[in-house]
Structures are given as structure tokens and as C-alpha cells.
Amino acid sequence: MEELLVETEGAQQMCLIKPPVKKNTIPIDLKLHNDIRAVERARFAHQVAEKRRLIKQYKMERERQQKLEEQEEIKRLRKELIPKAQLMPYFDRPFVPRRSEKQPTVPREPKFCIPRHKTIRCCRMSCNDMSGPSQLQHLPSSVEKTEALYKNRGLQ
């Protein structure tokens, strides 16, 4: 310990000064969770942006390939659709058709008769009228039926 003399207005005094016990503190780096999260988020945003850029590039490449394929297809179709001259037929050998080797068709009589299960009741009576003279006596014809109805109702 050192002794220092401090002179004041005329008197000499003796003071003892203590040496510094501690050194000045050096601040350490603080690692806040907020800062770490910001770095991770920036890295993630960069990865997402890179992925979107790659997808966009892939789409553009695919569209370009599709356009090229369509142009090639159009060129090919245009080449195929060019009208070309047909060869002139040979008229020095005339065409003579040959007779067919198939048998001719045999004609059949048409069936004008309506099957009994397909006829309506009033039509059956008219068909029965045509079937024979014996049934005509006890079955009235359709004309006679309508005339009888008109007479019964008093319309005639």
C-alpha cells in the first residue's frame, strides 16, 4: 500500500488510496432467442424463394418445350396437307364389272295379319267380321255399332 501525500492549504495530510481490487468487466455477447429465430427465419425464407424460383424456371422450360412440340406438329401437318397431284387413271383398259357369285335373294310374302295378342278389342271384332260370313250374322260391324250408339243417344 502506498502512501500518498496530499497537500491542502497549508497542511500536509496523509491519505491511503486503495488499489483497484476488480478489473473492469467485459460484457459478453448475449444470444437472445429472438435473434436466433430471426436468422432461422431468414434462412427458411431464402430456401422458399429458391424453391419458387426453381419451380417457375421448370414451368417456363416445360412451356417452351410444349411450344416447340406444337410448332413441329404444325409443320408436319402442313407438309402432309399439301395437295399433291393424283395419278391419271388408265383409260386404255376399260373397266368391265364381273357378275356376282352370290345367290339372288328369295322374295317373301309380307304378313299383313296382326297377331291376336297385339290387337285391341274393338279391332278384334272388325277382324272377326272379315273372317267369315257365319260370324257376320250375329256380330254387328263397326259402322252398325256407331249408328246404334247415335240412335240411342238421339244424335241423329
N, C-alpha and C. Protein backbone atom coordinates (compact mmCIF):
# COMPACT_ATOMS: atom_id res chain seq x y z
N MET A 1 0.82 -1.15 0.00
CA MET A 1 0.00 0.00 0.00
C MET A 1 0.88 1.24 0.00
N GLU A 2 0.51 2.04 -0.77
CA GLU A 2 1.30 3.24 -0.94
C GLU A 2 0.70 4.38 -0.15
N GLU A 3 1.53 5.11 0.23
CA GLU A 3 1.07 6.28 0.94
C GLU A 3 1.30 7.48 0.07
N LEU A 4 0.31 8.29 -0.04
CA LEU A 4 0.40 9.49 -0.85
C LEU A 4 0.19 10.71 0.03
N LEU A 5 0.89 11.61 -0.31
CA LEU A 5 0.74 12.85 0.44
C LEU A 5 -0.10 13.80 -0.35
N VAL A 6 -1.09 14.25 0.28
CA VAL A 6 -1.96 15.21 -0.38
C VAL A 6 -1.80 16.53 0.38
N GLU A 7 -1.43 17.52 -0.31
CA GLU A 7 -1.24 18.81 0.33
C GLU A 7 -2.47 19.67 0.14
N THR A 8 -2.90 20.15 1.18
CA THR A 8 -4.01 21.08 1.12
C THR A 8 -3.50 22.43 1.59
N GLU A 9 -4.26 23.34 1.76
CA GLU A 9 -3.92 24.72 2.00
C GLU A 9 -2.83 24.90 3.09
N GLY A 10 -2.14 24.37 3.27
CA GLY A 10 -1.10 24.65 4.24
C GLY A 10 -0.76 23.44 5.08
N ALA A 11 -1.56 22.48 5.09
CA ALA A 11 -1.29 21.35 5.96
C ALA A 11 -1.04 20.13 5.11
N GLN A 12 -0.23 19.39 5.63
CA GLN A 12 0.04 18.16 4.91
C GLN A 12 -0.72 17.04 5.56
N GLN A 13 -1.42 16.30 4.74
CA GLN A 13 -2.14 15.15 5.26
C GLN A 13 -1.70 13.92 4.53
N MET A 14 -1.88 12.94 5.20
CA MET A 14 -1.51 11.69 4.61
C MET A 14 -2.76 10.87 4.37
N CYS A 15 -2.95 10.34 3.11
CA CYS A 15 -4.13 9.52 2.75
C CYS A 15 -3.63 8.22 2.17
N LEU A 16 -4.42 7.29 2.45
CA LEU A 16 -4.14 5.99 1.85
C LEU A 16 -5.14 5.73 0.71
N ILE A 17 -4.68 5.38 -0.43
CA ILE A 17 -5.55 5.08 -1.56
C ILE A 17 -5.45 3.58 -1.81
N LYS A 18 -6.67 2.96 -1.91
CA LYS A 18 -6.71 1.52 -2.14
C LYS A 18 -6.51 1.22 -3.62
N PRO A 19 -5.75 0.22 -3.86
CA PRO A 19 -5.62 -0.18 -5.27
C PRO A 19 -6.92 -0.85 -5.73
N PRO A 20 -7.21 -0.80 -7.02
CA PRO A 20 -8.46 -1.44 -7.51
C PRO A 20 -8.37 -2.95 -7.36
N VAL A 21 -9.40 -3.50 -6.73
CA VAL A 21 -9.42 -4.93 -6.48
C VAL A 21 -9.92 -5.67 -7.73
N LYS A 22 -10.96 -5.16 -8.38
CA LYS A 22 -11.54 -5.81 -9.56
C LYS A 22 -11.10 -5.11 -10.82
N LYS A 23 -10.99 -5.93 -11.84
CA LYS A 23 -10.74 -5.35 -13.15
C LYS A 23 -12.08 -4.95 -13.74
N ASN A 24 -12.05 -4.10 -14.71
CA ASN A 24 -13.29 -3.70 -15.38
C ASN A 24 -13.92 -4.91 -16.07
N THR A 25 -15.23 -5.00 -15.92
CA THR A 25 -15.93 -6.16 -16.52
C THR A 25 -16.08 -5.96 -18.03
N ILE A 26 -15.88 -7.04 -18.72
CA ILE A 26 -16.04 -7.04 -20.17
C ILE A 26 -17.40 -7.67 -20.48
N PRO A 27 -18.28 -6.95 -21.19
CA PRO A 27 -19.61 -7.54 -21.46
C PRO A 27 -19.49 -8.73 -22.42
N ILE A 28 -20.27 -9.76 -22.15
CA ILE A 28 -20.27 -10.94 -23.01
C ILE A 28 -21.41 -10.80 -24.04
N ASP A 29 -21.25 -11.53 -25.13
CA ASP A 29 -22.29 -11.48 -26.16
C ASP A 29 -23.53 -12.21 -25.67
N LEU A 30 -24.67 -11.53 -25.77
CA LEU A 30 -25.92 -12.16 -25.39
C LEU A 30 -26.54 -12.81 -26.63
N LYS A 31 -26.99 -14.01 -26.46
CA LYS A 31 -27.66 -14.69 -27.55
C LYS A 31 -29.14 -14.81 -27.20
N LEU A 32 -29.91 -13.88 -27.74
CA LEU A 32 -31.34 -13.90 -27.48
C LEU A 32 -32.03 -14.87 -28.43
N HIS A 33 -33.08 -15.50 -27.93
CA HIS A 33 -33.85 -16.44 -28.77
C HIS A 33 -34.45 -15.72 -29.98
N ASN A 34 -34.80 -14.48 -29.79
CA ASN A 34 -35.38 -13.69 -30.87
C ASN A 34 -34.39 -13.55 -32.03
N ASP A 35 -33.13 -13.32 -31.71
CA ASP A 35 -32.10 -13.18 -32.76
C ASP A 35 -31.89 -14.52 -33.48
N ILE A 36 -31.85 -15.60 -32.74
CA ILE A 36 -31.65 -16.93 -33.34
C ILE A 36 -32.82 -17.25 -34.26
N ARG A 37 -34.03 -16.94 -33.79
CA ARG A 37 -35.24 -17.20 -34.59
C ARG A 37 -35.23 -16.36 -35.87
N ALA A 38 -34.76 -15.13 -35.81
CA ALA A 38 -34.70 -14.27 -36.99
C ALA A 38 -33.74 -14.85 -38.03
N VAL A 39 -32.61 -15.39 -37.59
CA VAL A 39 -31.65 -15.99 -38.52
C VAL A 39 -32.25 -17.23 -39.18
N GLU A 40 -32.89 -18.09 -38.37
CA GLU A 40 -33.52 -19.29 -38.94
C GLU A 40 -34.63 -18.93 -39.93
N ARG A 41 -35.40 -17.92 -39.59
CA ARG A 41 -36.50 -17.49 -40.47
C ARG A 41 -35.95 -16.94 -41.78
N ALA A 42 -34.87 -16.21 -41.73
CA ALA A 42 -34.25 -15.68 -42.95
C ALA A 42 -33.74 -16.82 -43.83
N ARG A 43 -33.14 -17.82 -43.19
CA ARG A 43 -32.65 -18.98 -43.94
C ARG A 43 -33.82 -19.72 -44.61
N PHE A 44 -34.92 -19.89 -43.87
CA PHE A 44 -36.10 -20.57 -44.41
C PHE A 44 -36.72 -19.76 -45.57
N ALA A 45 -36.81 -18.45 -45.40
CA ALA A 45 -37.36 -17.60 -46.47
C ALA A 45 -36.49 -17.70 -47.73
N HIS A 46 -35.19 -17.78 -47.55
CA HIS A 46 -34.29 -17.92 -48.69
C HIS A 46 -34.53 -19.27 -49.39
N GLN A 47 -34.72 -20.34 -48.61
CA GLN A 47 -34.98 -21.66 -49.21
C GLN A 47 -36.30 -21.66 -49.98
N VAL A 48 -37.33 -21.03 -49.42
CA VAL A 48 -38.62 -20.97 -50.09
C VAL A 48 -38.51 -20.18 -51.39
N ALA A 49 -37.81 -19.06 -51.35
CA ALA A 49 -37.63 -18.24 -52.55
C ALA A 49 -36.87 -19.03 -53.62
N GLU A 50 -35.88 -19.78 -53.23
CA GLU A 50 -35.10 -20.59 -54.17
C GLU A 50 -35.98 -21.68 -54.79
N LYS A 51 -36.81 -22.30 -53.97
CA LYS A 51 -37.70 -23.35 -54.45
C LYS A 51 -38.71 -22.78 -55.45
N ARG A 52 -39.29 -21.64 -55.13
CA ARG A 52 -40.23 -21.00 -56.06
C ARG A 52 -39.56 -20.63 -57.36
N ARG A 53 -38.34 -20.15 -57.28
CA ARG A 53 -37.61 -19.79 -58.49
C ARG A 53 -37.38 -21.02 -59.37
N LEU A 54 -37.02 -22.15 -58.73
CA LEU A 54 -36.80 -23.39 -59.48
C LEU A 54 -38.10 -23.88 -60.13
N ILE A 55 -39.21 -23.79 -59.39
CA ILE A 55 -40.50 -24.22 -59.94
C ILE A 55 -40.89 -23.34 -61.12
N LYS A 56 -40.70 -22.05 -60.97
CA LYS A 56 -41.03 -21.12 -62.06
C LYS A 56 -40.16 -21.41 -63.29
N GLN A 57 -38.88 -21.67 -63.06
CA GLN A 57 -37.98 -21.99 -64.16
C GLN A 57 -38.40 -23.30 -64.83
N TYR A 58 -38.78 -24.29 -64.04
CA TYR A 58 -39.22 -25.57 -64.59
C TYR A 58 -40.48 -25.40 -65.44
N LYS A 59 -41.42 -24.58 -64.94
CA LYS A 59 -42.66 -24.34 -65.71
C LYS A 59 -42.36 -23.64 -67.03
N MET A 60 -41.49 -22.67 -66.99
CA MET A 60 -41.14 -21.96 -68.23
C MET A 60 -40.47 -22.90 -69.23
N GLU A 61 -39.60 -23.77 -68.73
CA GLU A 61 -38.93 -24.73 -69.61
C GLU A 61 -39.94 -25.69 -70.22
N ARG A 62 -40.89 -26.16 -69.39
CA ARG A 62 -41.91 -27.08 -69.89
C ARG A 62 -42.80 -26.41 -70.94
N GLU A 63 -43.18 -25.15 -70.70
CA GLU A 63 -43.99 -24.41 -71.68
C GLU A 63 -43.23 -24.22 -72.99
N ARG A 64 -41.93 -23.95 -72.86
CA ARG A 64 -41.12 -23.77 -74.07
C ARG A 64 -41.04 -25.07 -74.86
N GLN A 65 -40.86 -26.18 -74.15
CA GLN A 65 -40.81 -27.48 -74.83
C GLN A 65 -42.14 -27.79 -75.51
N GLN A 66 -43.24 -27.48 -74.82
CA GLN A 66 -44.57 -27.74 -75.38
C GLN A 66 -44.80 -26.88 -76.62
N LYS A 67 -44.35 -25.63 -76.58
CA LYS A 67 -44.49 -24.74 -77.73
C LYS A 67 -43.71 -25.29 -78.92
N LEU A 68 -42.49 -25.75 -78.64
CA LEU A 68 -41.67 -26.32 -79.73
C LEU A 68 -42.34 -27.56 -80.33
N GLU A 69 -42.90 -28.42 -79.47
CA GLU A 69 -43.57 -29.62 -79.97
C GLU A 69 -44.79 -29.25 -80.82
N GLU A 70 -45.55 -28.24 -80.38
CA GLU A 70 -46.71 -27.81 -81.16
C GLU A 70 -46.28 -27.25 -82.52
N GLN A 71 -45.19 -26.49 -82.54
CA GLN A 71 -44.71 -25.94 -83.80
C GLN A 71 -44.26 -27.05 -84.74
N GLU A 72 -43.58 -28.05 -84.19
CA GLU A 72 -43.15 -29.19 -85.01
C GLU A 72 -44.36 -29.94 -85.55
N GLU A 73 -45.37 -30.10 -84.72
CA GLU A 73 -46.60 -30.79 -85.15
C GLU A 73 -47.29 -30.01 -86.26
N ILE A 74 -47.34 -28.68 -86.12
CA ILE A 74 -47.96 -27.84 -87.16
C ILE A 74 -47.17 -27.95 -88.46
N LYS A 75 -45.85 -27.93 -88.37
CA LYS A 75 -45.03 -28.06 -89.58
C LYS A 75 -45.29 -29.40 -90.26
N ARG A 76 -45.34 -30.46 -89.45
CA ARG A 76 -45.57 -31.79 -90.01
C ARG A 76 -46.94 -31.88 -90.67
N LEU A 77 -47.96 -31.34 -90.02
CA LEU A 77 -49.31 -31.38 -90.59
C LEU A 77 -49.39 -30.56 -91.88
N ARG A 78 -48.71 -29.43 -91.90
CA ARG A 78 -48.73 -28.61 -93.12
C ARG A 78 -48.06 -29.33 -94.28
N LYS A 79 -46.99 -30.06 -93.97
CA LYS A 79 -46.34 -30.82 -95.04
C LYS A 79 -47.26 -31.92 -95.57
N GLU A 80 -47.98 -32.57 -94.65
CA GLU A 80 -48.88 -33.64 -95.08
C GLU A 80 -50.08 -33.12 -95.86
N LEU A 81 -50.52 -31.92 -95.54
CA LEU A 81 -51.74 -31.39 -96.14
C LEU A 81 -51.49 -30.67 -97.47
N ILE A 82 -50.28 -30.68 -97.94
CA ILE A 82 -50.02 -30.06 -99.24
C ILE A 82 -50.71 -30.89 -100.31
N PRO A 83 -51.57 -30.26 -101.13
CA PRO A 83 -52.26 -31.05 -102.16
C PRO A 83 -51.26 -31.58 -103.18
N LYS A 84 -51.38 -32.84 -103.41
CA LYS A 84 -50.48 -33.48 -104.36
C LYS A 84 -51.31 -34.00 -105.52
N ALA A 85 -50.74 -34.01 -106.70
CA ALA A 85 -51.45 -34.46 -107.89
C ALA A 85 -51.68 -35.96 -107.83
N GLN A 86 -52.90 -36.36 -108.21
CA GLN A 86 -53.23 -37.77 -108.26
C GLN A 86 -52.84 -38.32 -109.63
N LEU A 87 -52.48 -39.58 -109.64
CA LEU A 87 -52.13 -40.19 -110.90
C LEU A 87 -53.36 -40.30 -111.79
N MET A 88 -53.16 -40.12 -113.05
CA MET A 88 -54.25 -40.20 -114.02
C MET A 88 -54.62 -41.67 -114.21
N PRO A 89 -55.91 -41.98 -114.20
CA PRO A 89 -56.29 -43.38 -114.40
C PRO A 89 -56.03 -43.82 -115.84
N TYR A 90 -55.81 -45.12 -115.99
CA TYR A 90 -55.57 -45.66 -117.34
C TYR A 90 -56.91 -45.93 -118.01
N PHE A 91 -57.12 -45.28 -119.14
CA PHE A 91 -58.37 -45.49 -119.88
C PHE A 91 -58.20 -46.46 -121.03
N ASP A 92 -57.00 -46.93 -121.25
CA ASP A 92 -56.79 -47.87 -122.34
C ASP A 92 -57.34 -49.26 -121.98
N ARG A 93 -57.49 -49.55 -120.69
CA ARG A 93 -58.12 -50.80 -120.25
C ARG A 93 -59.45 -50.45 -119.59
N PRO A 94 -60.54 -50.58 -120.31
CA PRO A 94 -61.83 -50.20 -119.72
C PRO A 94 -62.24 -51.15 -118.60
N PHE A 95 -63.03 -50.66 -117.69
CA PHE A 95 -63.48 -51.44 -116.55
C PHE A 95 -64.71 -52.25 -116.95
N VAL A 96 -64.63 -53.55 -116.74
CA VAL A 96 -65.75 -54.43 -117.02
C VAL A 96 -66.14 -55.10 -115.72
N PRO A 97 -67.34 -54.82 -115.22
CA PRO A 97 -67.72 -55.44 -113.95
C PRO A 97 -67.99 -56.91 -114.11
N ARG A 98 -67.64 -57.67 -113.09
CA ARG A 98 -67.89 -59.12 -113.13
C ARG A 98 -69.22 -59.42 -112.46
N ARG A 99 -69.78 -60.51 -112.85
CA ARG A 99 -71.05 -60.94 -112.27
C ARG A 99 -70.80 -61.43 -110.84
N SER A 100 -71.73 -61.14 -109.98
CA SER A 100 -71.59 -61.53 -108.58
C SER A 100 -71.74 -63.04 -108.43
N GLU A 101 -71.02 -63.58 -107.47
CA GLU A 101 -71.08 -65.01 -107.23
C GLU A 101 -72.10 -65.37 -106.15
N LYS A 102 -72.74 -64.40 -105.54
CA LYS A 102 -73.73 -64.64 -104.51
C LYS A 102 -75.05 -65.06 -105.15
N GLN A 103 -75.83 -65.81 -104.37
CA GLN A 103 -77.16 -66.23 -104.83
C GLN A 103 -78.12 -65.05 -104.70
N PRO A 104 -79.06 -64.93 -105.63
CA PRO A 104 -80.03 -63.84 -105.51
C PRO A 104 -80.96 -64.08 -104.31
N THR A 105 -81.51 -63.03 -103.79
CA THR A 105 -82.39 -63.15 -102.63
C THR A 105 -83.75 -63.70 -103.04
N VAL A 106 -84.36 -64.44 -102.16
CA VAL A 106 -85.66 -65.04 -102.44
C VAL A 106 -86.72 -64.14 -101.83
N PRO A 107 -87.68 -63.65 -102.62
CA PRO A 107 -88.70 -62.76 -102.05
C PRO A 107 -89.69 -63.53 -101.19
N ARG A 108 -90.23 -62.88 -100.16
CA ARG A 108 -91.22 -63.49 -99.29
C ARG A 108 -92.48 -62.64 -99.31
N GLU A 109 -93.58 -63.27 -99.02
CA GLU A 109 -94.85 -62.56 -98.93
C GLU A 109 -94.88 -61.75 -97.65
N PRO A 110 -95.36 -60.51 -97.69
CA PRO A 110 -95.47 -59.74 -96.45
C PRO A 110 -96.61 -60.25 -95.58
N LYS A 111 -96.48 -60.10 -94.29
CA LYS A 111 -97.51 -60.54 -93.34
C LYS A 111 -98.37 -59.33 -92.98
N PHE A 112 -99.57 -59.30 -93.53
CA PHE A 112 -100.48 -58.20 -93.24
C PHE A 112 -101.36 -58.49 -92.03
N CYS A 113 -101.37 -59.70 -91.58
CA CYS A 113 -102.20 -60.09 -90.45
C CYS A 113 -101.55 -59.64 -89.15
N ILE A 114 -102.36 -59.05 -88.26
CA ILE A 114 -101.86 -58.62 -86.95
C ILE A 114 -102.09 -59.78 -85.99
N PRO A 115 -101.11 -60.15 -85.20
CA PRO A 115 -101.31 -61.25 -84.24
C PRO A 115 -102.42 -60.91 -83.24
N ARG A 116 -103.11 -61.95 -82.78
CA ARG A 116 -104.29 -61.76 -81.94
C ARG A 116 -103.95 -61.06 -80.61
N HIS A 117 -102.79 -61.35 -80.02
CA HIS A 117 -102.44 -60.74 -78.74
C HIS A 117 -102.07 -59.26 -78.87
N LYS A 118 -101.80 -58.78 -80.11
CA LYS A 118 -101.45 -57.39 -80.30
C LYS A 118 -102.63 -56.52 -80.72
N THR A 119 -103.78 -57.11 -80.95
CA THR A 119 -104.93 -56.33 -81.40
C THR A 119 -105.70 -55.79 -80.23
N ILE A 120 -106.41 -54.70 -80.46
CA ILE A 120 -107.29 -54.10 -79.46
C ILE A 120 -108.66 -54.78 -79.59
N ARG A 121 -109.47 -54.72 -78.55
CA ARG A 121 -110.71 -55.45 -78.53
C ARG A 121 -111.64 -55.03 -79.67
N CYS A 122 -111.78 -53.74 -79.92
CA CYS A 122 -112.68 -53.32 -81.00
C CYS A 122 -112.12 -53.74 -82.35
N CYS A 123 -110.80 -53.78 -82.48
CA CYS A 123 -110.20 -54.21 -83.74
C CYS A 123 -110.40 -55.71 -83.92
N ARG A 124 -110.43 -56.47 -82.84
CA ARG A 124 -110.65 -57.91 -82.95
C ARG A 124 -112.03 -58.18 -83.54
N MET A 125 -112.97 -57.39 -83.13
CA MET A 125 -114.33 -57.58 -83.65
C MET A 125 -114.37 -57.31 -85.14
N SER A 126 -113.64 -56.25 -85.58
CA SER A 126 -113.64 -55.95 -87.00
C SER A 126 -112.87 -57.01 -87.77
N CYS A 127 -111.80 -57.57 -87.14
CA CYS A 127 -111.07 -58.65 -87.80
C CYS A 127 -111.95 -59.90 -87.87
N ASN A 128 -112.72 -60.13 -86.83
CA ASN A 128 -113.60 -61.28 -86.84
C ASN A 128 -114.69 -61.13 -87.91
N ASP A 129 -115.07 -59.90 -88.18
CA ASP A 129 -116.08 -59.67 -89.21
C ASP A 129 -115.58 -60.13 -90.56
N MET A 130 -114.30 -59.97 -90.79
CA MET A 130 -113.75 -60.35 -92.08
C MET A 130 -113.48 -61.84 -92.18
N SER A 131 -113.47 -62.51 -91.08
CA SER A 131 -113.04 -63.90 -91.10
C SER A 131 -114.04 -64.82 -91.80
N GLY A 132 -115.31 -64.60 -91.69
CA GLY A 132 -116.23 -65.50 -92.36
C GLY A 132 -117.66 -64.97 -92.36
N PRO A 133 -118.50 -65.48 -93.30
CA PRO A 133 -119.87 -64.98 -93.40
C PRO A 133 -120.76 -65.45 -92.24
N SER A 134 -120.40 -66.56 -91.58
CA SER A 134 -121.24 -67.07 -90.50
C SER A 134 -121.20 -66.14 -89.29
N GLN A 135 -120.08 -65.50 -89.05
CA GLN A 135 -119.97 -64.62 -87.89
C GLN A 135 -120.56 -63.25 -88.18
N LEU A 136 -120.73 -62.92 -89.43
CA LEU A 136 -121.29 -61.63 -89.76
C LEU A 136 -122.74 -61.53 -89.29
N GLN A 137 -123.43 -62.62 -89.19
CA GLN A 137 -124.84 -62.58 -88.85
C GLN A 137 -125.05 -62.17 -87.40
N HIS A 138 -124.26 -62.66 -86.47
CA HIS A 138 -124.52 -62.30 -85.09
C HIS A 138 -123.58 -61.26 -84.52
N LEU A 139 -122.55 -60.74 -85.26
CA LEU A 139 -121.69 -59.66 -84.77
C LEU A 139 -121.91 -58.44 -85.67
N PRO A 140 -122.34 -57.33 -85.11
CA PRO A 140 -122.54 -56.14 -85.94
C PRO A 140 -121.19 -55.53 -86.33
N SER A 141 -121.13 -54.88 -87.46
CA SER A 141 -119.91 -54.24 -87.92
C SER A 141 -119.70 -52.95 -87.15
N SER A 142 -118.56 -52.38 -87.30
CA SER A 142 -118.24 -51.16 -86.56
C SER A 142 -119.12 -50.01 -87.01
N VAL A 143 -119.48 -49.99 -88.28
CA VAL A 143 -120.36 -48.93 -88.77
C VAL A 143 -121.73 -49.06 -88.11
N GLU A 144 -122.22 -50.29 -88.03
CA GLU A 144 -123.53 -50.52 -87.42
C GLU A 144 -123.48 -50.17 -85.93
N LYS A 145 -122.37 -50.43 -85.27
CA LYS A 145 -122.23 -50.09 -83.86
C LYS A 145 -122.34 -48.59 -83.65
N THR A 146 -121.60 -47.82 -84.44
CA THR A 146 -121.62 -46.37 -84.27
C THR A 146 -123.01 -45.82 -84.58
N GLU A 147 -123.67 -46.36 -85.60
CA GLU A 147 -125.03 -45.90 -85.90
C GLU A 147 -125.97 -46.21 -84.74
N ALA A 148 -125.83 -47.37 -84.11
CA ALA A 148 -126.67 -47.73 -82.97
C ALA A 148 -126.42 -46.81 -81.80
N LEU A 149 -125.18 -46.44 -81.56
CA LEU A 149 -124.87 -45.52 -80.47
C LEU A 149 -125.50 -44.16 -80.70
N TYR A 150 -125.43 -43.67 -81.96
CA TYR A 150 -126.02 -42.38 -82.27
C TYR A 150 -127.53 -42.41 -82.06
N LYS A 151 -128.16 -43.51 -82.43
CA LYS A 151 -129.62 -43.62 -82.26
C LYS A 151 -129.99 -43.65 -80.80
N ASN A 152 -129.23 -44.37 -79.98
CA ASN A 152 -129.51 -44.45 -78.54
C ASN A 152 -129.38 -43.08 -77.86
N ARG A 153 -128.44 -42.30 -78.30
CA ARG A 153 -128.22 -41.00 -77.68
C ARG A 153 -129.11 -39.93 -78.28
N GLY A 154 -129.75 -40.22 -79.39
CA GLY A 154 -130.63 -39.27 -80.03
C GLY A 154 -129.89 -38.19 -80.79
N LEU A 155 -128.74 -38.50 -81.31
CA LEU A 155 -127.93 -37.51 -82.03
C LEU A 155 -128.25 -37.49 -83.51
N GLN A 156 -128.94 -38.44 -84.03
CA GLN A 156 -129.12 -38.49 -85.47
C GLN A 156 -130.35 -37.79 -85.93
